[in-house]
Amino acid sequence: MRYLVIPALLVAALAVAWLDEDAGIQSWMTLRDEVADAELRLEDLKGEIAALEAEATALASDPFTQEKAIREELGWARPGETVVKLPRTRETP
């Protein structure tokens, strides 16, 4: 009978850990999923940062890129050019 006490306590502890939403296995699994999602978002943001750094480098060093960015932002045109503005399309998330 004494040998059944330890396995019974172990089973009870596992049951509590599984059912306790605040500190149990379910909470750990939820946090694990959130960490995985955060890591994916982090990789996406790293890609965006790299693209922005490349754009900043191009803007700092290439006069053509500077002119293009200014013209696009302000809608300016050189003499003899015509600016055609198209409606923006919705980007899907």
PDB file of N, CA and C in Angstrom:
ATOM      1  N   MET A   1       0.815  -1.195   0.000  1.00  0.00           N
ATOM      2  CA  MET A   1       0.000   0.000   0.000  1.00  0.00           C
ATOM      3  C   MET A   1       0.863   1.265   0.000  1.00  0.00           C
ATOM      4  N   ARG A   2       2.017   1.213   0.728  1.00  0.00           N
ATOM      5  CA  ARG A   2       2.895   2.375   0.776  1.00  0.00           C
ATOM      6  C   ARG A   2       3.455   2.692  -0.597  1.00  0.00           C
ATOM      7  N   TYR A   3       3.607   1.687  -1.411  1.00  0.00           N
ATOM      8  CA  TYR A   3       4.198   1.890  -2.740  1.00  0.00           C
ATOM      9  C   TYR A   3       3.223   2.553  -3.721  1.00  0.00           C
ATOM     10  N   LEU A   4       1.982   2.577  -3.403  1.00  0.00           N
ATOM     11  CA  LEU A   4       0.991   3.200  -4.261  1.00  0.00           C
ATOM     12  C   LEU A   4       0.817   4.699  -3.976  1.00  0.00           C
ATOM     13  N   VAL A   5       1.312   5.149  -2.845  1.00  0.00           N
ATOM     14  CA  VAL A   5       1.143   6.549  -2.465  1.00  0.00           C
ATOM     15  C   VAL A   5       1.933   7.462  -3.420  1.00  0.00           C
ATOM     16  N   ILE A   6       3.164   7.130  -3.691  1.00  0.00           N
ATOM     17  CA  ILE A   6       4.009   7.974  -4.550  1.00  0.00           C
ATOM     18  C   ILE A   6       3.446   8.051  -5.970  1.00  0.00           C
ATOM     19  N   PRO A   7       3.099   6.956  -6.631  1.00  0.00           N
ATOM     20  CA  PRO A   7       2.497   7.073  -7.959  1.00  0.00           C
ATOM     21  C   PRO A   7       1.167   7.848  -7.930  1.00  0.00           C
ATOM     22  N   ALA A   8       0.385   7.671  -6.875  1.00  0.00           N
ATOM     23  CA  ALA A   8      -0.885   8.384  -6.766  1.00  0.00           C
ATOM     24  C   ALA A   8      -0.632   9.889  -6.646  1.00  0.00           C
ATOM     25  N   LEU A   9       0.366  10.273  -5.847  1.00  0.00           N
ATOM     26  CA  LEU A   9       0.704  11.692  -5.729  1.00  0.00           C
ATOM     27  C   LEU A   9       1.228  12.253  -7.046  1.00  0.00           C
ATOM     28  N   LEU A  10       1.997  11.463  -7.745  1.00  0.00           N
ATOM     29  CA  LEU A  10       2.528  11.887  -9.036  1.00  0.00           C
ATOM     30  C   LEU A  10       1.395  12.100 -10.043  1.00  0.00           C
ATOM     31  N   VAL A  11       0.457  11.190 -10.085  1.00  0.00           N
ATOM     32  CA  VAL A  11      -0.688  11.317 -10.986  1.00  0.00           C
ATOM     33  C   VAL A  11      -1.517  12.545 -10.593  1.00  0.00           C
ATOM     34  N   ALA A  12      -1.708  12.768  -9.310  1.00  0.00           N
ATOM     35  CA  ALA A  12      -2.479  13.927  -8.857  1.00  0.00           C
ATOM     36  C   ALA A  12      -1.760  15.225  -9.241  1.00  0.00           C
ATOM     37  N   ALA A  13      -0.438  15.260  -9.075  1.00  0.00           N
ATOM     38  CA  ALA A  13       0.329  16.457  -9.438  1.00  0.00           C
ATOM     39  C   ALA A  13       0.244  16.725 -10.938  1.00  0.00           C
ATOM     40  N   LEU A  14       0.333  15.698 -11.744  1.00  0.00           N
ATOM     41  CA  LEU A  14       0.208  15.860 -13.192  1.00  0.00           C
ATOM     42  C   LEU A  14      -1.188  16.339 -13.580  1.00  0.00           C
ATOM     43  N   ALA A  15      -2.214  15.824 -12.898  1.00  0.00           N
ATOM     44  CA  ALA A  15      -3.584  16.246 -13.186  1.00  0.00           C
ATOM     45  C   ALA A  15      -3.773  17.727 -12.850  1.00  0.00           C
ATOM     46  N   VAL A  16      -3.218  18.155 -11.707  1.00  0.00           N
ATOM     47  CA  VAL A  16      -3.326  19.563 -11.324  1.00  0.00           C
ATOM     48  C   VAL A  16      -2.569  20.427 -12.323  1.00  0.00           C
ATOM     49  N   ALA A  17      -1.373  19.986 -12.705  1.00  0.00           N
ATOM     50  CA  ALA A  17      -0.580  20.761 -13.668  1.00  0.00           C
ATOM     51  C   ALA A  17      -1.299  20.856 -15.007  1.00  0.00           C
ATOM     52  N   TRP A  18      -1.984  19.837 -15.397  1.00  0.00           N
ATOM     53  CA  TRP A  18      -2.706  19.846 -16.683  1.00  0.00           C
ATOM     54  C   TRP A  18      -3.958  20.729 -16.617  1.00  0.00           C
ATOM     55  N   LEU A  19      -4.661  20.699 -15.501  1.00  0.00           N
ATOM     56  CA  LEU A  19      -5.935  21.398 -15.396  1.00  0.00           C
ATOM     57  C   LEU A  19      -5.812  22.838 -14.922  1.00  0.00           C
ATOM     58  N   ASP A  20      -4.732  23.200 -14.247  1.00  0.00           N
ATOM     59  CA  ASP A  20      -4.556  24.567 -13.739  1.00  0.00           C
ATOM     60  C   ASP A  20      -4.214  25.488 -14.899  1.00  0.00           C
ATOM     61  N   GLU A  21      -5.154  26.358 -15.265  1.00  0.00           N
ATOM     62  CA  GLU A  21      -4.971  27.220 -16.435  1.00  0.00           C
ATOM     63  C   GLU A  21      -3.938  28.311 -16.196  1.00  0.00           C
ATOM     64  N   ASP A  22      -3.686  28.694 -14.961  1.00  0.00           N
ATOM     65  CA  ASP A  22      -2.774  29.795 -14.676  1.00  0.00           C
ATOM     66  C   ASP A  22      -1.319  29.366 -14.546  1.00  0.00           C
ATOM     67  N   ALA A  23      -1.073  28.157 -14.134  1.00  0.00           N
ATOM     68  CA  ALA A  23       0.312  27.769 -13.886  1.00  0.00           C
ATOM     69  C   ALA A  23       0.647  26.366 -14.367  1.00  0.00           C
ATOM     70  N   GLY A  24      -0.205  25.802 -15.162  1.00  0.00           N
ATOM     71  CA  GLY A  24      -0.009  24.414 -15.539  1.00  0.00           C
ATOM     72  C   GLY A  24       0.508  24.226 -16.947  1.00  0.00           C
ATOM     73  N   ILE A  25       0.319  23.037 -17.433  1.00  0.00           N
ATOM     74  CA  ILE A  25       0.805  22.645 -18.749  1.00  0.00           C
ATOM     75  C   ILE A  25       0.109  23.440 -19.846  1.00  0.00           C
ATOM     76  N   GLN A  26      -1.182  23.714 -19.692  1.00  0.00           N
ATOM     77  CA  GLN A  26      -1.905  24.490 -20.701  1.00  0.00           C
ATOM     78  C   GLN A  26      -1.305  25.888 -20.828  1.00  0.00           C
ATOM     79  N   SER A  27      -0.962  26.481 -19.702  1.00  0.00           N
ATOM     80  CA  SER A  27      -0.334  27.802 -19.730  1.00  0.00           C
ATOM     81  C   SER A  27       1.008  27.733 -20.444  1.00  0.00           C
ATOM     82  N   TRP A  28       1.770  26.713 -20.169  1.00  0.00           N
ATOM     83  CA  TRP A  28       3.074  26.540 -20.817  1.00  0.00           C
ATOM     84  C   TRP A  28       2.903  26.377 -22.329  1.00  0.00           C
ATOM     85  N   MET A  29       1.912  25.591 -22.732  1.00  0.00           N
ATOM     86  CA  MET A  29       1.687  25.383 -24.161  1.00  0.00           C
ATOM     87  C   MET A  29       1.256  26.679 -24.844  1.00  0.00           C
ATOM     88  N   THR A  30       0.419  27.468 -24.174  1.00  0.00           N
ATOM     89  CA  THR A  30      -0.008  28.753 -24.725  1.00  0.00           C
ATOM     90  C   THR A  30       1.182  29.683 -24.878  1.00  0.00           C
ATOM     91  N   LEU A  31       2.010  29.758 -23.855  1.00  0.00           N
ATOM     92  CA  LEU A  31       3.201  30.609 -23.915  1.00  0.00           C
ATOM     93  C   LEU A  31       4.159  30.142 -25.003  1.00  0.00           C
ATOM     94  N   ARG A  32       4.294  28.844 -25.186  1.00  0.00           N
ATOM     95  CA  ARG A  32       5.162  28.311 -26.228  1.00  0.00           C
ATOM     96  C   ARG A  32       4.673  28.746 -27.607  1.00  0.00           C
ATOM     97  N   ASP A  33       3.359  28.700 -27.814  1.00  0.00           N
ATOM     98  CA  ASP A  33       2.795  29.151 -29.094  1.00  0.00           C
ATOM     99  C   ASP A  33       3.002  30.643 -29.302  1.00  0.00           C
ATOM    100  N   GLU A  34       2.844  31.426 -28.242  1.00  0.00           N
ATOM    101  CA  GLU A  34       3.049  32.870 -28.338  1.00  0.00           C
ATOM    102  C   GLU A  34       4.505  33.194 -28.668  1.00  0.00           C
ATOM    103  N   VAL A  35       5.431  32.457 -28.088  1.00  0.00           N
ATOM    104  CA  VAL A  35       6.849  32.668 -28.384  1.00  0.00           C
ATOM    105  C   VAL A  35       7.131  32.337 -29.848  1.00  0.00           C
ATOM    106  N   ALA A  36       6.543  31.274 -30.359  1.00  0.00           N
ATOM    107  CA  ALA A  36       6.736  30.916 -31.765  1.00  0.00           C
ATOM    108  C   ALA A  36       6.187  32.010 -32.678  1.00  0.00           C
ATOM    109  N   ASP A  37       5.010  32.552 -32.343  1.00  0.00           N
ATOM    110  CA  ASP A  37       4.441  33.649 -33.142  1.00  0.00           C
ATOM    111  C   ASP A  37       5.331  34.886 -33.076  1.00  0.00           C
ATOM    112  N   ALA A  38       5.842  35.192 -31.888  1.00  0.00           N
ATOM    113  CA  ALA A  38       6.715  36.357 -31.727  1.00  0.00           C
ATOM    114  C   ALA A  38       8.004  36.190 -32.525  1.00  0.00           C
ATOM    115  N   GLU A  39       8.532  34.987 -32.581  1.00  0.00           N
ATOM    116  CA  GLU A  39       9.747  34.743 -33.364  1.00  0.00           C
ATOM    117  C   GLU A  39       9.482  34.937 -34.855  1.00  0.00           C
ATOM    118  N   LEU A  40       8.312  34.531 -35.324  1.00  0.00           N
ATOM    119  CA  LEU A  40       7.960  34.761 -36.732  1.00  0.00           C
ATOM    120  C   LEU A  40       7.834  36.258 -37.028  1.00  0.00           C
ATOM    121  N   ARG A  41       7.176  36.991 -36.109  1.00  0.00           N
ATOM    122  CA  ARG A  41       7.058  38.441 -36.295  1.00  0.00           C
ATOM    123  C   ARG A  41       8.434  39.095 -36.273  1.00  0.00           C
ATOM    124  N   LEU A  42       9.312  38.609 -35.416  1.00  0.00           N
ATOM    125  CA  LEU A  42      10.663  39.147 -35.329  1.00  0.00           C
ATOM    126  C   LEU A  42      11.415  38.961 -36.640  1.00  0.00           C
ATOM    127  N   GLU A  43      11.281  37.793 -37.249  1.00  0.00           N
ATOM    128  CA  GLU A  43      11.937  37.550 -38.537  1.00  0.00           C
ATOM    129  C   GLU A  43      11.374  38.470 -39.618  1.00  0.00           C
ATOM    130  N   ASP A  44      10.050  38.682 -39.606  1.00  0.00           N
ATOM    131  CA  ASP A  44       9.444  39.604 -40.568  1.00  0.00           C
ATOM    132  C   ASP A  44       9.985  41.015 -40.379  1.00  0.00           C
ATOM    133  N   LEU A  45      10.085  41.442 -39.114  1.00  0.00           N
ATOM    134  CA  LEU A  45      10.591  42.782 -38.830  1.00  0.00           C
ATOM    135  C   LEU A  45      12.060  42.925 -39.211  1.00  0.00           C
ATOM    136  N   LYS A  46      12.836  41.880 -39.027  1.00  0.00           N
ATOM    137  CA  LYS A  46      14.238  41.927 -39.447  1.00  0.00           C
ATOM    138  C   LYS A  46      14.337  42.117 -40.959  1.00  0.00           C
ATOM    139  N   GLY A  47      13.444  41.469 -41.705  1.00  0.00           N
ATOM    140  CA  GLY A  47      13.412  41.644 -43.151  1.00  0.00           C
ATOM    141  C   GLY A  47      13.035  43.073 -43.533  1.00  0.00           C
ATOM    142  N   GLU A  48      12.051  43.636 -42.819  1.00  0.00           N
ATOM    143  CA  GLU A  48      11.667  45.016 -43.085  1.00  0.00           C
ATOM    144  C   GLU A  48      12.806  45.978 -42.773  1.00  0.00           C
ATOM    145  N   ILE A  49      13.515  45.726 -41.676  1.00  0.00           N
ATOM    146  CA  ILE A  49      14.642  46.578 -41.305  1.00  0.00           C
ATOM    147  C   ILE A  49      15.718  46.523 -42.380  1.00  0.00           C
ATOM    148  N   ALA A  50      16.014  45.334 -42.872  1.00  0.00           N
ATOM    149  CA  ALA A  50      17.028  45.199 -43.922  1.00  0.00           C
ATOM    150  C   ALA A  50      16.613  45.970 -45.173  1.00  0.00           C
ATOM    151  N   ALA A  51      15.337  45.887 -45.536  1.00  0.00           N
ATOM    152  CA  ALA A  51      14.855  46.606 -46.720  1.00  0.00           C
ATOM    153  C   ALA A  51      14.946  48.121 -46.506  1.00  0.00           C
ATOM    154  N   LEU A  52      14.579  48.578 -45.311  1.00  0.00           N
ATOM    155  CA  LEU A  52      14.650  50.008 -45.023  1.00  0.00           C
ATOM    156  C   LEU A  52      16.099  50.505 -44.982  1.00  0.00           C
ATOM    157  N   GLU A  53      17.006  49.678 -44.453  1.00  0.00           N
ATOM    158  CA  GLU A  53      18.416  50.064 -44.436  1.00  0.00           C
ATOM    159  C   GLU A  53      18.967  50.165 -45.855  1.00  0.00           C
ATOM    160  N   ALA A  54      18.572  49.234 -46.718  1.00  0.00           N
ATOM    161  CA  ALA A  54      19.012  49.292 -48.114  1.00  0.00           C
ATOM    162  C   ALA A  54      18.454  50.540 -48.789  1.00  0.00           C
ATOM    163  N   GLU A  55      17.202  50.865 -48.507  1.00  0.00           N
ATOM    164  CA  GLU A  55      16.597  52.071 -49.081  1.00  0.00           C
ATOM    165  C   GLU A  55      17.295  53.323 -48.561  1.00  0.00           C
ATOM    166  N   ALA A  56      17.611  53.344 -47.275  1.00  0.00           N
ATOM    167  CA  ALA A  56      18.305  54.502 -46.696  1.00  0.00           C
ATOM    168  C   ALA A  56      19.687  54.664 -47.307  1.00  0.00           C
ATOM    169  N   THR A  57      20.384  53.557 -47.526  1.00  0.00           N
ATOM    170  CA  THR A  57      21.702  53.623 -48.152  1.00  0.00           C
ATOM    171  C   THR A  57      21.593  54.160 -49.568  1.00  0.00           C
ATOM    172  N   ALA A  58      20.590  53.679 -50.311  1.00  0.00           N
ATOM    173  CA  ALA A  58      20.394  54.150 -51.679  1.00  0.00           C
ATOM    174  C   ALA A  58      20.043  55.632 -51.697  1.00  0.00           C
ATOM    175  N   LEU A  59      19.206  56.068 -50.754  1.00  0.00           N
ATOM    176  CA  LEU A  59      18.833  57.480 -50.697  1.00  0.00           C
ATOM    177  C   LEU A  59      20.023  58.362 -50.334  1.00  0.00           C
ATOM    178  N   ALA A  60      20.918  57.846 -49.497  1.00  0.00           N
ATOM    179  CA  ALA A  60      22.069  58.636 -49.073  1.00  0.00           C
ATOM    180  C   ALA A  60      23.138  58.722 -50.145  1.00  0.00           C
ATOM    181  N   SER A  61      23.204  57.744 -51.029  1.00  0.00           N
ATOM    182  CA  SER A  61      24.334  57.701 -51.950  1.00  0.00           C
ATOM    183  C   SER A  61      23.985  57.894 -53.426  1.00  0.00           C
ATOM    184  N   ASP A  62      22.727  57.731 -53.792  1.00  0.00           N
ATOM    185  CA  ASP A  62      22.359  57.771 -55.204  1.00  0.00           C
ATOM    186  C   ASP A  62      21.438  58.955 -55.492  1.00  0.00           C
ATOM    187  N   PRO A  63      21.921  59.961 -56.220  1.00  0.00           N
ATOM    188  CA  PRO A  63      21.087  61.124 -56.517  1.00  0.00           C
ATOM    189  C   PRO A  63      19.807  60.772 -57.292  1.00  0.00           C
ATOM    190  N   PHE A  64      19.879  59.778 -58.179  1.00  0.00           N
ATOM    191  CA  PHE A  64      18.682  59.373 -58.928  1.00  0.00           C
ATOM    192  C   PHE A  64      17.615  58.843 -57.976  1.00  0.00           C
ATOM    193  N   THR A  65      18.029  58.048 -56.982  1.00  0.00           N
ATOM    194  CA  THR A  65      17.075  57.505 -56.007  1.00  0.00           C
ATOM    195  C   THR A  65      16.474  58.633 -55.178  1.00  0.00           C
ATOM    196  N   GLN A  66      17.291  59.614 -54.822  1.00  0.00           N
ATOM    197  CA  GLN A  66      16.787  60.765 -54.069  1.00  0.00           C
ATOM    198  C   GLN A  66      15.729  61.511 -54.882  1.00  0.00           C
ATOM    199  N   GLU A  67      16.048  61.767 -56.137  1.00  0.00           N
ATOM    200  CA  GLU A  67      15.105  62.485 -56.993  1.00  0.00           C
ATOM    201  C   GLU A  67      13.812  61.696 -57.152  1.00  0.00           C
ATOM    202  N   LYS A  68      13.932  60.409 -57.367  1.00  0.00           N
ATOM    203  CA  LYS A  68      12.753  59.559 -57.548  1.00  0.00           C
ATOM    204  C   LYS A  68      11.861  59.599 -56.301  1.00  0.00           C
ATOM    205  N   ALA A  69      12.484  59.497 -55.118  1.00  0.00           N
ATOM    206  CA  ALA A  69      11.709  59.508 -53.876  1.00  0.00           C
ATOM    207  C   ALA A  69      11.018  60.852 -53.680  1.00  0.00           C
ATOM    208  N   ILE A  70      11.725  61.929 -53.945  1.00  0.00           N
ATOM    209  CA  ILE A  70      11.135  63.257 -53.791  1.00  0.00           C
ATOM    210  C   ILE A  70       9.978  63.445 -54.769  1.00  0.00           C
ATOM    211  N   ARG A  71      10.183  63.051 -56.014  1.00  0.00           N
ATOM    212  CA  ARG A  71       9.138  63.213 -57.019  1.00  0.00           C
ATOM    213  C   ARG A  71       7.907  62.380 -56.683  1.00  0.00           C
ATOM    214  N   GLU A  72       8.116  61.160 -56.205  1.00  0.00           N
ATOM    215  CA  GLU A  72       6.975  60.313 -55.842  1.00  0.00           C
ATOM    216  C   GLU A  72       6.236  60.873 -54.636  1.00  0.00           C
ATOM    217  N   GLU A  73       6.982  61.333 -53.639  1.00  0.00           N
ATOM    218  CA  GLU A  73       6.367  61.839 -52.408  1.00  0.00           C
ATOM    219  C   GLU A  73       5.578  63.126 -52.670  1.00  0.00           C
ATOM    220  N   LEU A  74       6.138  64.033 -53.458  1.00  0.00           N
ATOM    221  CA  LEU A  74       5.510  65.340 -53.666  1.00  0.00           C
ATOM    222  C   LEU A  74       4.669  65.419 -54.930  1.00  0.00           C
ATOM    223  N   GLY A  75       4.766  64.392 -55.774  1.00  0.00           N
ATOM    224  CA  GLY A  75       3.997  64.393 -57.015  1.00  0.00           C
ATOM    225  C   GLY A  75       4.539  65.388 -58.032  1.00  0.00           C
ATOM    226  N   TRP A  76       5.802  65.679 -57.940  1.00  0.00           N
ATOM    227  CA  TRP A  76       6.420  66.630 -58.856  1.00  0.00           C
ATOM    228  C   TRP A  76       6.748  65.966 -60.182  1.00  0.00           C
ATOM    229  N   ALA A  77       6.873  66.798 -61.206  1.00  0.00           N
ATOM    230  CA  ALA A  77       7.249  66.313 -62.527  1.00  0.00           C
ATOM    231  C   ALA A  77       8.218  67.316 -63.149  1.00  0.00           C
ATOM    232  N   ARG A  78       9.024  66.822 -64.022  1.00  0.00           N
ATOM    233  CA  ARG A  78       9.909  67.705 -64.788  1.00  0.00           C
ATOM    234  C   ARG A  78       9.095  68.397 -65.872  1.00  0.00           C
ATOM    235  N   PRO A  79       9.623  69.505 -66.388  1.00  0.00           N
ATOM    236  CA  PRO A  79       8.899  70.179 -67.475  1.00  0.00           C
ATOM    237  C   PRO A  79       8.674  69.220 -68.642  1.00  0.00           C
ATOM    238  N   GLY A  80       7.446  69.181 -69.117  1.00  0.00           N
ATOM    239  CA  GLY A  80       7.100  68.315 -70.229  1.00  0.00           C
ATOM    240  C   GLY A  80       6.582  66.949 -69.801  1.00  0.00           C
ATOM    241  N   GLU A  81       6.716  66.596 -68.536  1.00  0.00           N
ATOM    242  CA  GLU A  81       6.204  65.309 -68.049  1.00  0.00           C
ATOM    243  C   GLU A  81       4.784  65.491 -67.528  1.00  0.00           C
ATOM    244  N   THR A  82       4.035  64.404 -67.523  1.00  0.00           N
ATOM    245  CA  THR A  82       2.680  64.407 -66.984  1.00  0.00           C
ATOM    246  C   THR A  82       2.624  63.408 -65.837  1.00  0.00           C
ATOM    247  N   VAL A  83       2.091  63.840 -64.710  1.00  0.00           N
ATOM    248  CA  VAL A  83       1.949  62.960 -63.544  1.00  0.00           C
ATOM    249  C   VAL A  83       0.572  62.329 -63.599  1.00  0.00           C
ATOM    250  N   VAL A  84       0.540  61.027 -63.546  1.00  0.00           N
ATOM    251  CA  VAL A  84      -0.722  60.290 -63.537  1.00  0.00           C
ATOM    252  C   VAL A  84      -0.825  59.606 -62.185  1.00  0.00           C
ATOM    253  N   LYS A  85      -1.858  59.959 -61.430  1.00  0.00           N
ATOM    254  CA  LYS A  85      -2.061  59.350 -60.115  1.00  0.00           C
ATOM    255  C   LYS A  85      -3.168  58.312 -60.221  1.00  0.00           C
ATOM    256  N   LEU A  86      -2.838  57.114 -59.832  1.00  0.00           N
ATOM    257  CA  LEU A  86      -3.803  56.023 -59.842  1.00  0.00           C
ATOM    258  C   LEU A  86      -4.308  55.800 -58.426  1.00  0.00           C
ATOM    259  N   PRO A  87      -5.559  55.361 -58.288  1.00  0.00           N
ATOM    260  CA  PRO A  87      -6.052  55.089 -56.928  1.00  0.00           C
ATOM    261  C   PRO A  87      -5.257  53.942 -56.309  1.00  0.00           C
ATOM    262  N   ARG A  88      -5.017  54.081 -55.018  1.00  0.00           N
ATOM    263  CA  ARG A  88      -4.283  53.027 -54.311  1.00  0.00           C
ATOM    264  C   ARG A  88      -5.160  51.799 -54.153  1.00  0.00           C
ATOM    265  N   THR A  89      -4.542  50.654 -54.284  1.00  0.00           N
ATOM    266  CA  THR A  89      -5.281  49.410 -54.068  1.00  0.00           C
ATOM    267  C   THR A  89      -5.101  48.995 -52.629  1.00  0.00           C
ATOM    268  N   ARG A  90      -6.067  48.299 -52.110  1.00  0.00           N
ATOM    269  CA  ARG A  90      -5.962  47.808 -50.736  1.00  0.00           C
ATOM    270  C   ARG A  90      -4.949  46.683 -50.677  1.00  0.00           C
ATOM    271  N   GLU A  91      -4.103  46.764 -49.679  1.00  0.00           N
ATOM    272  CA  GLU A  91      -3.144  45.679 -49.469  1.00  0.00           C
ATOM    273  C   GLU A  91      -3.766  44.675 -48.521  1.00  0.00           C
ATOM    274  N   THR A  92      -3.657  43.423 -48.866  1.00  0.00           N
ATOM    275  CA  THR A  92      -4.191  42.395 -47.990  1.00  0.00           C
ATOM    276  C   THR A  92      -3.169  42.088 -46.912  1.00  0.00           C
ATOM    277  N   PRO A  93      -3.606  41.979 -45.664  1.00  0.00           N
ATOM    278  CA  PRO A  93      -2.648  41.717 -44.577  1.00  0.00           C
ATOM    279  C   PRO A  93      -2.057  40.342 -44.641  1.00  0.00           C
TER     280      PRO A  93
END
